[in-house]
Amino acid sequence: TKDIALPSLFYVSTGLIIISSLTYFLAKKATQTNKKQLATIFLLAT
């Protein structure tokens, strides 16, 4: 069946997983600069 559309929520979740990659990246950057509290916040956001 070629005309079946994917659920719209799959696209919303795609945006979230992209944002979560950014927050994980920011957590690592914060750790590299010894900003532990900021790193924890970004990890929790992820």
ModelCIF file with pLDDT and N, C-alpha, C, O atoms, coordinates in Angstrom:
data_MODEL
#
_entry.id   MODEL 
#
_entity.id                         1 
_entity.type                       polymer 
_entity.pdbx_number_of_molecules   1 
#
_entity_poly.entity_id                      1 
_entity_poly.type                           'polypeptide(L)' 
_entity_poly.nstd_linkage                   no 
_entity_poly.nstd_monomer                   no 
_entity_poly.pdbx_seq_one_letter_code       TKDIALPSLFYVSTGLIIISSLTYFLAKKATQTNKKQLATIFLLAT 
_entity_poly.pdbx_seq_one_letter_code_can   TKDIALPSLFYVSTGLIIISSLTYFLAKKATQTNKKQLATIFLLAT 
_entity_poly.pdbx_strand_id                 A 
#
loop_
_entity_poly_seq.entity_id 
_entity_poly_seq.num 
_entity_poly_seq.mon_id 
_entity_poly_seq.hetero 
1 1  THR n 
1 2  LYS n 
1 3  ASP n 
1 4  ILE n 
1 5  ALA n 
1 6  LEU n 
1 7  PRO n 
1 8  SER n 
1 9  LEU n 
1 10 PHE n 
1 11 TYR n 
1 12 VAL n 
1 13 SER n 
1 14 THR n 
1 15 GLY n 
1 16 LEU n 
1 17 ILE n 
1 18 ILE n 
1 19 ILE n 
1 20 SER n 
1 21 SER n 
1 22 LEU n 
1 23 THR n 
1 24 TYR n 
1 25 PHE n 
1 26 LEU n 
1 27 ALA n 
1 28 LYS n 
1 29 LYS n 
1 30 ALA n 
1 31 THR n 
1 32 GLN n 
1 33 THR n 
1 34 ASN n 
1 35 LYS n 
1 36 LYS n 
1 37 GLN n 
1 38 LEU n 
1 39 ALA n 
1 40 THR n 
1 41 ILE n 
1 42 PHE n 
1 43 LEU n 
1 44 LEU n 
1 45 ALA n 
1 46 THR n 
#
_struct_asym.id          A 
_struct_asym.entity_id   1 
#
loop_
_ma_qa_metric.id 
_ma_qa_metric.mode 
_ma_qa_metric.name 
_ma_qa_metric.software_group_id 
_ma_qa_metric.type 
1 global pLDDT . pLDDT 
2 local  pLDDT . pLDDT 
#
_ma_qa_metric_global.metric_id      1 
_ma_qa_metric_global.metric_value   94.63 
_ma_qa_metric_global.model_id       1 
_ma_qa_metric_global.ordinal_id     1 
#
loop_
_ma_qa_metric_local.label_asym_id 
_ma_qa_metric_local.label_comp_id 
_ma_qa_metric_local.label_seq_id 
_ma_qa_metric_local.metric_id 
_ma_qa_metric_local.metric_value 
_ma_qa_metric_local.model_id 
_ma_qa_metric_local.ordinal_id 
A THR 1  2 80.00 1 1  
A LYS 2  2 78.00 1 2  
A ASP 3  2 78.00 1 3  
A ILE 4  2 79.00 1 4  
A ALA 5  2 84.00 1 5  
A LEU 6  2 90.00 1 6  
A PRO 7  2 92.00 1 7  
A SER 8  2 93.00 1 8  
A LEU 9  2 96.00 1 9  
A PHE 10 2 95.00 1 10 
A TYR 11 2 96.00 1 11 
A VAL 12 2 97.00 1 12 
A SER 13 2 97.00 1 13 
A THR 14 2 97.00 1 14 
A GLY 15 2 97.00 1 15 
A LEU 16 2 98.00 1 16 
A ILE 17 2 97.00 1 17 
A ILE 18 2 98.00 1 18 
A ILE 19 2 98.00 1 19 
A SER 20 2 98.00 1 20 
A SER 21 2 97.00 1 21 
A LEU 22 2 98.00 1 22 
A THR 23 2 98.00 1 23 
A TYR 24 2 97.00 1 24 
A PHE 25 2 97.00 1 25 
A LEU 26 2 98.00 1 26 
A ALA 27 2 97.00 1 27 
A LYS 28 2 96.00 1 28 
A LYS 29 2 96.00 1 29 
A ALA 30 2 96.00 1 30 
A THR 31 2 95.00 1 31 
A GLN 32 2 95.00 1 32 
A THR 33 2 95.00 1 33 
A ASN 34 2 94.00 1 34 
A LYS 35 2 96.00 1 35 
A LYS 36 2 95.00 1 36 
A GLN 37 2 96.00 1 37 
A LEU 38 2 97.00 1 38 
A ALA 39 2 97.00 1 39 
A THR 40 2 97.00 1 40 
A ILE 41 2 98.00 1 41 
A PHE 42 2 98.00 1 42 
A LEU 43 2 98.00 1 43 
A LEU 44 2 98.00 1 44 
A ALA 45 2 98.00 1 45 
A THR 46 2 98.00 1 46 
#
loop_
_atom_site.group_PDB 
_atom_site.id 
_atom_site.type_symbol 
_atom_site.label_atom_id 
_atom_site.label_alt_id 
_atom_site.label_comp_id 
_atom_site.label_asym_id 
_atom_site.label_entity_id 
_atom_site.label_seq_id 
_atom_site.pdbx_PDB_ins_code 
_atom_site.Cartn_x 
_atom_site.Cartn_y 
_atom_site.Cartn_z 
_atom_site.occupancy 
_atom_site.B_iso_or_equiv 
_atom_site.pdbx_formal_charge 
_atom_site.auth_seq_id 
_atom_site.auth_comp_id 
_atom_site.auth_asym_id 
_atom_site.auth_atom_id 
_atom_site.pdbx_PDB_model_num 
ATOM 1   N N  . THR A 1 1  ? 0.849  -1.184 0.000  1.00 80.00 ? 1  THR A N  1 
ATOM 2   C CA . THR A 1 1  ? 0.000  0.000  0.000  1.00 80.00 ? 1  THR A CA 1 
ATOM 3   C C  . THR A 1 1  ? 0.890  1.241  0.000  1.00 80.00 ? 1  THR A C  1 
ATOM 4   O O  . THR A 1 1  ? 1.593  1.504  0.975  1.00 80.00 ? 1  THR A O  1 
ATOM 5   N N  . LYS A 1 2  ? 0.858  2.004  -1.095 1.00 78.00 ? 2  LYS A N  1 
ATOM 6   C CA . LYS A 1 2  ? 1.765  3.148  -1.240 1.00 78.00 ? 2  LYS A CA 1 
ATOM 7   C C  . LYS A 1 2  ? 1.229  4.429  -0.606 1.00 78.00 ? 2  LYS A C  1 
ATOM 8   O O  . LYS A 1 2  ? 2.016  5.319  -0.282 1.00 78.00 ? 2  LYS A O  1 
ATOM 9   N N  . ASP A 1 3  ? -0.066 4.547  -0.421 1.00 78.00 ? 3  ASP A N  1 
ATOM 10  C CA . ASP A 1 3  ? -0.649 5.833  -0.018 1.00 78.00 ? 3  ASP A CA 1 
ATOM 11  C C  . ASP A 1 3  ? -0.882 5.974  1.490  1.00 78.00 ? 3  ASP A C  1 
ATOM 12  O O  . ASP A 1 3  ? -1.684 6.808  1.909  1.00 78.00 ? 3  ASP A O  1 
ATOM 13  N N  . ILE A 1 4  ? -0.211 5.193  2.287  1.00 79.00 ? 4  ILE A N  1 
ATOM 14  C CA . ILE A 1 4  ? -0.371 5.288  3.736  1.00 79.00 ? 4  ILE A CA 1 
ATOM 15  C C  . ILE A 1 4  ? 0.608  6.336  4.272  1.00 79.00 ? 4  ILE A C  1 
ATOM 16  O O  . ILE A 1 4  ? 1.812  6.267  4.024  1.00 79.00 ? 4  ILE A O  1 
ATOM 17  N N  . ALA A 1 5  ? 0.069  7.299  5.007  1.00 84.00 ? 5  ALA A N  1 
ATOM 18  C CA . ALA A 1 5  ? 0.914  8.343  5.597  1.00 84.00 ? 5  ALA A CA 1 
ATOM 19  C C  . ALA A 1 5  ? 1.365  7.909  6.996  1.00 84.00 ? 5  ALA A C  1 
ATOM 20  O O  . ALA A 1 5  ? 0.635  7.226  7.715  1.00 84.00 ? 5  ALA A O  1 
ATOM 21  N N  . LEU A 1 6  ? 2.565  8.316  7.358  1.00 90.00 ? 6  LEU A N  1 
ATOM 22  C CA . LEU A 1 6  ? 3.057  8.046  8.708  1.00 90.00 ? 6  LEU A CA 1 
ATOM 23  C C  . LEU A 1 6  ? 2.315  8.928  9.705  1.00 90.00 ? 6  LEU A C  1 
ATOM 24  O O  . LEU A 1 6  ? 1.811  9.988  9.334  1.00 90.00 ? 6  LEU A O  1 
ATOM 25  N N  . PRO A 1 7  ? 2.240  8.510  10.952 1.00 92.00 ? 7  PRO A N  1 
ATOM 26  C CA . PRO A 1 7  ? 1.583  9.330  11.981 1.00 92.00 ? 7  PRO A CA 1 
ATOM 27  C C  . PRO A 1 7  ? 2.282  10.684 12.134 1.00 92.00 ? 7  PRO A C  1 
ATOM 28  O O  . PRO A 1 7  ? 3.510  10.764 12.097 1.00 92.00 ? 7  PRO A O  1 
ATOM 29  N N  . SER A 1 8  ? 1.502  11.729 12.302 1.00 93.00 ? 8  SER A N  1 
ATOM 30  C CA . SER A 1 8  ? 2.079  13.073 12.456 1.00 93.00 ? 8  SER A CA 1 
ATOM 31  C C  . SER A 1 8  ? 2.970  13.158 13.695 1.00 93.00 ? 8  SER A C  1 
ATOM 32  O O  . SER A 1 8  ? 3.931  13.928 13.712 1.00 93.00 ? 8  SER A O  1 
ATOM 33  N N  . LEU A 1 9  ? 2.662  12.380 14.724 1.00 96.00 ? 9  LEU A N  1 
ATOM 34  C CA . LEU A 1 9  ? 3.470  12.434 15.941 1.00 96.00 ? 9  LEU A CA 1 
ATOM 35  C C  . LEU A 1 9  ? 4.884  11.886 15.728 1.00 96.00 ? 9  LEU A C  1 
ATOM 36  O O  . LEU A 1 9  ? 5.788  12.207 16.500 1.00 96.00 ? 9  LEU A O  1 
ATOM 37  N N  . PHE A 1 10 ? 5.086  11.067 14.696 1.00 95.00 ? 10 PHE A N  1 
ATOM 38  C CA . PHE A 1 10 ? 6.433  10.604 14.378 1.00 95.00 ? 10 PHE A CA 1 
ATOM 39  C C  . PHE A 1 10 ? 7.312  11.796 13.987 1.00 95.00 ? 10 PHE A C  1 
ATOM 40  O O  . PHE A 1 10 ? 8.499  11.830 14.311 1.00 95.00 ? 10 PHE A O  1 
ATOM 41  N N  . TYR A 1 11 ? 6.728  12.763 13.296 1.00 96.00 ? 11 TYR A N  1 
ATOM 42  C CA . TYR A 1 11 ? 7.496  13.940 12.872 1.00 96.00 ? 11 TYR A CA 1 
ATOM 43  C C  . TYR A 1 11 ? 7.778  14.859 14.063 1.00 96.00 ? 11 TYR A C  1 
ATOM 44  O O  . TYR A 1 11 ? 8.857  15.444 14.159 1.00 96.00 ? 11 TYR A O  1 
ATOM 45  N N  . VAL A 1 12 ? 6.808  14.984 14.964 1.00 97.00 ? 12 VAL A N  1 
ATOM 46  C CA . VAL A 1 12 ? 7.019  15.785 16.178 1.00 97.00 ? 12 VAL A CA 1 
ATOM 47  C C  . VAL A 1 12 ? 8.136  15.154 17.009 1.00 97.00 ? 12 VAL A C  1 
ATOM 48  O O  . VAL A 1 12 ? 9.023  15.853 17.499 1.00 97.00 ? 12 VAL A O  1 
ATOM 49  N N  . SER A 1 13 ? 8.088  13.839 17.164 1.00 97.00 ? 13 SER A N  1 
ATOM 50  C CA . SER A 1 13 ? 9.125  13.158 17.952 1.00 97.00 ? 13 SER A CA 1 
ATOM 51  C C  . SER A 1 13 ? 10.489 13.283 17.293 1.00 97.00 ? 13 SER A C  1 
ATOM 52  O O  . SER A 1 13 ? 11.512 13.278 17.979 1.00 97.00 ? 13 SER A O  1 
ATOM 53  N N  . THR A 1 14 ? 10.516 13.396 15.972 1.00 97.00 ? 14 THR A N  1 
ATOM 54  C CA . THR A 1 14 ? 11.790 13.593 15.265 1.00 97.00 ? 14 THR A CA 1 
ATOM 55  C C  . THR A 1 14 ? 12.426 14.907 15.704 1.00 97.00 ? 14 THR A C  1 
ATOM 56  O O  . THR A 1 14 ? 13.629 14.964 15.959 1.00 97.00 ? 14 THR A O  1 
ATOM 57  N N  . GLY A 1 15 ? 11.624 15.956 15.791 1.00 97.00 ? 15 GLY A N  1 
ATOM 58  C CA . GLY A 1 15 ? 12.136 17.240 16.271 1.00 97.00 ? 15 GLY A CA 1 
ATOM 59  C C  . GLY A 1 15 ? 12.694 17.134 17.676 1.00 97.00 ? 15 GLY A C  1 
ATOM 60  O O  . GLY A 1 15 ? 13.729 17.720 17.992 1.00 97.00 ? 15 GLY A O  1 
ATOM 61  N N  . LEU A 1 16 ? 11.993 16.372 18.526 1.00 98.00 ? 16 LEU A N  1 
ATOM 62  C CA . LEU A 1 16 ? 12.447 16.229 19.915 1.00 98.00 ? 16 LEU A CA 1 
ATOM 63  C C  . LEU A 1 16 ? 13.775 15.486 20.017 1.00 98.00 ? 16 LEU A C  1 
ATOM 64  O O  . LEU A 1 16 ? 14.631 15.845 20.826 1.00 98.00 ? 16 LEU A O  1 
ATOM 65  N N  . ILE A 1 17 ? 13.944 14.461 19.207 1.00 97.00 ? 17 ILE A N  1 
ATOM 66  C CA . ILE A 1 17 ? 15.202 13.705 19.316 1.00 97.00 ? 17 ILE A CA 1 
ATOM 67  C C  . ILE A 1 17 ? 16.370 14.527 18.776 1.00 97.00 ? 17 ILE A C  1 
ATOM 68  O O  . ILE A 1 17 ? 17.503 14.374 19.231 1.00 97.00 ? 17 ILE A O  1 
ATOM 69  N N  . ILE A 1 18 ? 16.093 15.397 17.807 1.00 98.00 ? 18 ILE A N  1 
ATOM 70  C CA . ILE A 1 18 ? 17.142 16.304 17.315 1.00 98.00 ? 18 ILE A CA 1 
ATOM 71  C C  . ILE A 1 18 ? 17.520 17.296 18.417 1.00 98.00 ? 18 ILE A C  1 
ATOM 72  O O  . ILE A 1 18 ? 18.703 17.533 18.659 1.00 98.00 ? 18 ILE A O  1 
ATOM 73  N N  . ILE A 1 19 ? 16.524 17.871 19.078 1.00 98.00 ? 19 ILE A N  1 
ATOM 74  C CA . ILE A 1 19 ? 16.790 18.808 20.176 1.00 98.00 ? 19 ILE A CA 1 
ATOM 75  C C  . ILE A 1 19 ? 17.541 18.106 21.310 1.00 98.00 ? 19 ILE A C  1 
ATOM 76  O O  . ILE A 1 19 ? 18.429 18.692 21.929 1.00 98.00 ? 19 ILE A O  1 
ATOM 77  N N  . SER A 1 20 ? 17.176 16.840 21.579 1.00 98.00 ? 20 SER A N  1 
ATOM 78  C CA . SER A 1 20 ? 17.840 16.110 22.661 1.00 98.00 ? 20 SER A CA 1 
ATOM 79  C C  . SER A 1 20 ? 19.319 15.868 22.345 1.00 98.00 ? 20 SER A C  1 
ATOM 80  O O  . SER A 1 20 ? 20.145 15.823 23.256 1.00 98.00 ? 20 SER A O  1 
ATOM 81  N N  . SER A 1 21 ? 19.654 15.714 21.077 1.00 97.00 ? 21 SER A N  1 
ATOM 82  C CA . SER A 1 21 ? 21.068 15.592 20.706 1.00 97.00 ? 21 SER A CA 1 
ATOM 83  C C  . SER A 1 21 ? 21.804 16.885 21.024 1.00 97.00 ? 21 SER A C  1 
ATOM 84  O O  . SER A 1 21 ? 22.947 16.870 21.480 1.00 97.00 ? 21 SER A O  1 
ATOM 85  N N  . LEU A 1 22 ? 21.134 17.998 20.776 1.00 98.00 ? 22 LEU A N  1 
ATOM 86  C CA . LEU A 1 22 ? 21.737 19.297 21.089 1.00 98.00 ? 22 LEU A CA 1 
ATOM 87  C C  . LEU A 1 22 ? 21.946 19.449 22.599 1.00 98.00 ? 22 LEU A C  1 
ATOM 88  O O  . LEU A 1 22 ? 22.998 19.923 23.029 1.00 98.00 ? 22 LEU A O  1 
ATOM 89  N N  . THR A 1 23 ? 20.962 19.056 23.406 1.00 98.00 ? 23 THR A N  1 
ATOM 90  C CA . THR A 1 23 ? 21.115 19.198 24.857 1.00 98.00 ? 23 THR A CA 1 
ATOM 91  C C  . THR A 1 23 ? 22.216 18.286 25.388 1.00 98.00 ? 23 THR A C  1 
ATOM 92  O O  . THR A 1 23 ? 22.929 18.665 26.317 1.00 98.00 ? 23 THR A O  1 
ATOM 93  N N  . TYR A 1 24 ? 22.369 17.090 24.818 1.00 97.00 ? 24 TYR A N  1 
ATOM 94  C CA . TYR A 1 24 ? 23.450 16.190 25.243 1.00 97.00 ? 24 TYR A CA 1 
ATOM 95  C C  . TYR A 1 24 ? 24.807 16.808 24.884 1.00 97.00 ? 24 TYR A C  1 
ATOM 96  O O  . TYR A 1 24 ? 25.747 16.777 25.679 1.00 97.00 ? 24 TYR A O  1 
ATOM 97  N N  . PHE A 1 25 ? 24.889 17.369 23.673 1.00 97.00 ? 25 PHE A N  1 
ATOM 98  C CA . PHE A 1 25 ? 26.109 18.044 23.237 1.00 97.00 ? 25 PHE A CA 1 
ATOM 99  C C  . PHE A 1 25 ? 26.455 19.193 24.188 1.00 97.00 ? 25 PHE A C  1 
ATOM 100 O O  . PHE A 1 25 ? 27.610 19.363 24.579 1.00 97.00 ? 25 PHE A O  1 
ATOM 101 N N  . LEU A 1 26 ? 25.443 19.974 24.552 1.00 98.00 ? 26 LEU A N  1 
ATOM 102 C CA . LEU A 1 26 ? 25.661 21.103 25.460 1.00 98.00 ? 26 LEU A CA 1 
ATOM 103 C C  . LEU A 1 26 ? 26.084 20.633 26.855 1.00 98.00 ? 26 LEU A C  1 
ATOM 104 O O  . LEU A 1 26 ? 26.860 21.306 27.534 1.00 98.00 ? 26 LEU A O  1 
ATOM 105 N N  . ALA A 1 27 ? 25.567 19.471 27.275 1.00 97.00 ? 27 ALA A N  1 
ATOM 106 C CA . ALA A 1 27 ? 25.978 18.904 28.569 1.00 97.00 ? 27 ALA A CA 1 
ATOM 107 C C  . ALA A 1 27 ? 27.467 18.569 28.546 1.00 97.00 ? 27 ALA A C  1 
ATOM 108 O O  . ALA A 1 27 ? 28.185 18.829 29.511 1.00 97.00 ? 27 ALA A O  1 
ATOM 109 N N  . LYS A 1 28 ? 27.917 17.997 27.446 1.00 96.00 ? 28 LYS A N  1 
ATOM 110 C CA . LYS A 1 28 ? 29.341 17.662 27.342 1.00 96.00 ? 28 LYS A CA 1 
ATOM 111 C C  . LYS A 1 28 ? 30.184 18.936 27.326 1.00 96.00 ? 28 LYS A C  1 
ATOM 112 O O  . LYS A 1 28 ? 31.214 19.011 27.996 1.00 96.00 ? 28 LYS A O  1 
ATOM 113 N N  . LYS A 1 29 ? 29.745 19.939 26.560 1.00 96.00 ? 29 LYS A N  1 
ATOM 114 C CA . LYS A 1 29 ? 30.488 21.206 26.507 1.00 96.00 ? 29 LYS A CA 1 
ATOM 115 C C  . LYS A 1 29 ? 30.557 21.855 27.896 1.00 96.00 ? 29 LYS A C  1 
ATOM 116 O O  . LYS A 1 29 ? 31.597 22.386 28.287 1.00 96.00 ? 29 LYS A O  1 
ATOM 117 N N  . ALA A 1 30 ? 29.449 21.806 28.632 1.00 96.00 ? 30 ALA A N  1 
ATOM 118 C CA . ALA A 1 30 ? 29.440 22.373 29.987 1.00 96.00 ? 30 ALA A CA 1 
ATOM 119 C C  . ALA A 1 30 ? 30.400 21.608 30.899 1.00 96.00 ? 30 ALA A C  1 
ATOM 120 O O  . ALA A 1 30 ? 31.078 22.210 31.731 1.00 96.00 ? 30 ALA A O  1 
ATOM 121 N N  . THR A 1 31 ? 30.457 20.298 30.746 1.00 95.00 ? 31 THR A N  1 
ATOM 122 C CA . THR A 1 31 ? 31.380 19.481 31.540 1.00 95.00 ? 31 THR A CA 1 
ATOM 123 C C  . THR A 1 31 ? 32.823 19.833 31.213 1.00 95.00 ? 31 THR A C  1 
ATOM 124 O O  . THR A 1 31 ? 33.664 19.923 32.107 1.00 95.00 ? 31 THR A O  1 
ATOM 125 N N  . GLN A 1 32 ? 33.106 20.030 29.942 1.00 95.00 ? 32 GLN A N  1 
ATOM 126 C CA . GLN A 1 32 ? 34.472 20.355 29.526 1.00 95.00 ? 32 GLN A CA 1 
ATOM 127 C C  . GLN A 1 32 ? 34.937 21.699 30.085 1.00 95.00 ? 32 GLN A C  1 
ATOM 128 O O  . GLN A 1 32 ? 36.139 21.948 30.181 1.00 95.00 ? 32 GLN A O  1 
ATOM 129 N N  . THR A 1 33 ? 33.997 22.558 30.452 1.00 95.00 ? 33 THR A N  1 
ATOM 130 C CA . THR A 1 33 ? 34.357 23.868 31.032 1.00 95.00 ? 33 THR A CA 1 
ATOM 131 C C  . THR A 1 33 ? 34.052 23.910 32.532 1.00 95.00 ? 33 THR A C  1 
ATOM 132 O O  . THR A 1 33 ? 33.989 24.980 33.136 1.00 95.00 ? 33 THR A O  1 
ATOM 133 N N  . ASN A 1 34 ? 33.865 22.718 33.122 1.00 94.00 ? 34 ASN A N  1 
ATOM 134 C CA . ASN A 1 34 ? 33.610 22.575 34.562 1.00 94.00 ? 34 ASN A CA 1 
ATOM 135 C C  . ASN A 1 34 ? 32.366 23.316 35.054 1.00 94.00 ? 34 ASN A C  1 
ATOM 136 O O  . ASN A 1 34 ? 32.334 23.784 36.192 1.00 94.00 ? 34 ASN A O  1 
ATOM 137 N N  . LYS A 1 35 ? 31.353 23.424 34.213 1.00 96.00 ? 35 LYS A N  1 
ATOM 138 C CA . LYS A 1 35 ? 30.065 24.003 34.618 1.00 96.00 ? 35 LYS A CA 1 
ATOM 139 C C  . LYS A 1 35 ? 29.137 22.840 34.959 1.00 96.00 ? 35 LYS A C  1 
ATOM 140 O O  . LYS A 1 35 ? 28.235 22.499 34.193 1.00 96.00 ? 35 LYS A O  1 
ATOM 141 N N  . LYS A 1 36 ? 29.375 22.245 36.112 1.00 95.00 ? 36 LYS A N  1 
ATOM 142 C CA . LYS A 1 36 ? 28.706 20.997 36.492 1.00 95.00 ? 36 LYS A CA 1 
ATOM 143 C C  . LYS A 1 36 ? 27.192 21.144 36.604 1.00 95.00 ? 36 LYS A C  1 
ATOM 144 O O  . LYS A 1 36 ? 26.450 20.276 36.144 1.00 95.00 ? 36 LYS A O  1 
ATOM 145 N N  . GLN A 1 37 ? 26.734 22.223 37.203 1.00 96.00 ? 37 GLN A N  1 
ATOM 146 C CA . GLN A 1 37 ? 25.294 22.408 37.371 1.00 96.00 ? 37 GLN A CA 1 
ATOM 147 C C  . GLN A 1 37 ? 24.607 22.548 36.010 1.00 96.00 ? 37 GLN A C  1 
ATOM 148 O O  . GLN A 1 37 ? 23.538 21.980 35.788 1.00 96.00 ? 37 GLN A O  1 
ATOM 149 N N  . LEU A 1 38 ? 25.218 23.297 35.113 1.00 97.00 ? 38 LEU A N  1 
ATOM 150 C CA . LEU A 1 38 ? 24.662 23.460 33.776 1.00 97.00 ? 38 LEU A CA 1 
ATOM 151 C C  . LEU A 1 38 ? 24.649 22.126 33.028 1.00 97.00 ? 38 LEU A C  1 
ATOM 152 O O  . LEU A 1 38 ? 23.687 21.807 32.329 1.00 97.00 ? 38 LEU A O  1 
ATOM 153 N N  . ALA A 1 39 ? 25.720 21.356 33.181 1.00 97.00 ? 39 ALA A N  1 
ATOM 154 C CA . ALA A 1 39 ? 25.786 20.031 32.552 1.00 97.00 ? 39 ALA A CA 1 
ATOM 155 C C  . ALA A 1 39 ? 24.663 19.142 33.070 1.00 97.00 ? 39 ALA A C  1 
ATOM 156 O O  . ALA A 1 39 ? 24.037 18.420 32.293 1.00 97.00 ? 39 ALA A O  1 
ATOM 157 N N  . THR A 1 40 ? 24.405 19.187 34.359 1.00 97.00 ? 40 THR A N  1 
ATOM 158 C CA . THR A 1 40 ? 23.325 18.382 34.945 1.00 97.00 ? 40 THR A CA 1 
ATOM 159 C C  . THR A 1 40 ? 21.974 18.801 34.379 1.00 97.00 ? 40 THR A C  1 
ATOM 160 O O  . THR A 1 40 ? 21.140 17.950 34.070 1.00 97.00 ? 40 THR A O  1 
ATOM 161 N N  . ILE A 1 41 ? 21.754 20.101 34.243 1.00 98.00 ? 41 ILE A N  1 
ATOM 162 C CA . ILE A 1 41 ? 20.488 20.598 33.690 1.00 98.00 ? 41 ILE A CA 1 
ATOM 163 C C  . ILE A 1 41 ? 20.307 20.092 32.253 1.00 98.00 ? 41 ILE A C  1 
ATOM 164 O O  . ILE A 1 41 ? 19.221 19.646 31.882 1.00 98.00 ? 41 ILE A O  1 
ATOM 165 N N  . PHE A 1 42 ? 21.368 20.162 31.451 1.00 98.00 ? 42 PHE A N  1 
ATOM 166 C CA . PHE A 1 42 ? 21.271 19.685 30.068 1.00 98.00 ? 42 PHE A CA 1 
ATOM 167 C C  . PHE A 1 42 ? 21.056 18.170 30.006 1.00 98.00 ? 42 PHE A C  1 
ATOM 168 O O  . PHE A 1 42 ? 20.323 17.689 29.141 1.00 98.00 ? 42 PHE A O  1 
ATOM 169 N N  . LEU A 1 43 ? 21.682 17.419 30.905 1.00 98.00 ? 43 LEU A N  1 
ATOM 170 C CA . LEU A 1 43 ? 21.458 15.971 30.936 1.00 98.00 ? 43 LEU A CA 1 
ATOM 171 C C  . LEU A 1 43 ? 20.016 15.653 31.320 1.00 98.00 ? 43 LEU A C  1 
ATOM 172 O O  . LEU A 1 43 ? 19.395 14.769 30.730 1.00 98.00 ? 43 LEU A O  1 
ATOM 173 N N  . LEU A 1 44 ? 19.486 16.370 32.302 1.00 98.00 ? 44 LEU A N  1 
ATOM 174 C CA . LEU A 1 44 ? 18.080 16.169 32.688 1.00 98.00 ? 44 LEU A CA 1 
ATOM 175 C C  . LEU A 1 44 ? 17.148 16.522 31.533 1.00 98.00 ? 44 LEU A C  1 
ATOM 176 O O  . LEU A 1 44 ? 16.161 15.826 31.295 1.00 98.00 ? 44 LEU A O  1 
ATOM 177 N N  . ALA A 1 45 ? 17.458 17.599 30.817 1.00 98.00 ? 45 ALA A N  1 
ATOM 178 C CA . ALA A 1 45 ? 16.640 17.980 29.649 1.00 98.00 ? 45 ALA A CA 1 
ATOM 179 C C  . ALA A 1 45 ? 16.683 16.885 28.592 1.00 98.00 ? 45 ALA A C  1 
ATOM 180 O O  . ALA A 1 45 ? 15.666 16.571 27.973 1.00 98.00 ? 45 ALA A O  1 
ATOM 181 N N  . THR A 1 46 ? 17.860 16.309 28.389 1.00 98.00 ? 46 THR A N  1 
ATOM 182 C CA . THR A 1 46 ? 17.996 15.215 27.417 1.00 98.00 ? 46 THR A CA 1 
ATOM 183 C C  . THR A 1 46 ? 17.137 14.028 27.841 1.00 98.00 ? 46 THR A C  1 
ATOM 184 O O  . THR A 1 46 ? 17.113 13.006 27.155 1.00 98.00 ? 46 THR A O  1 
#
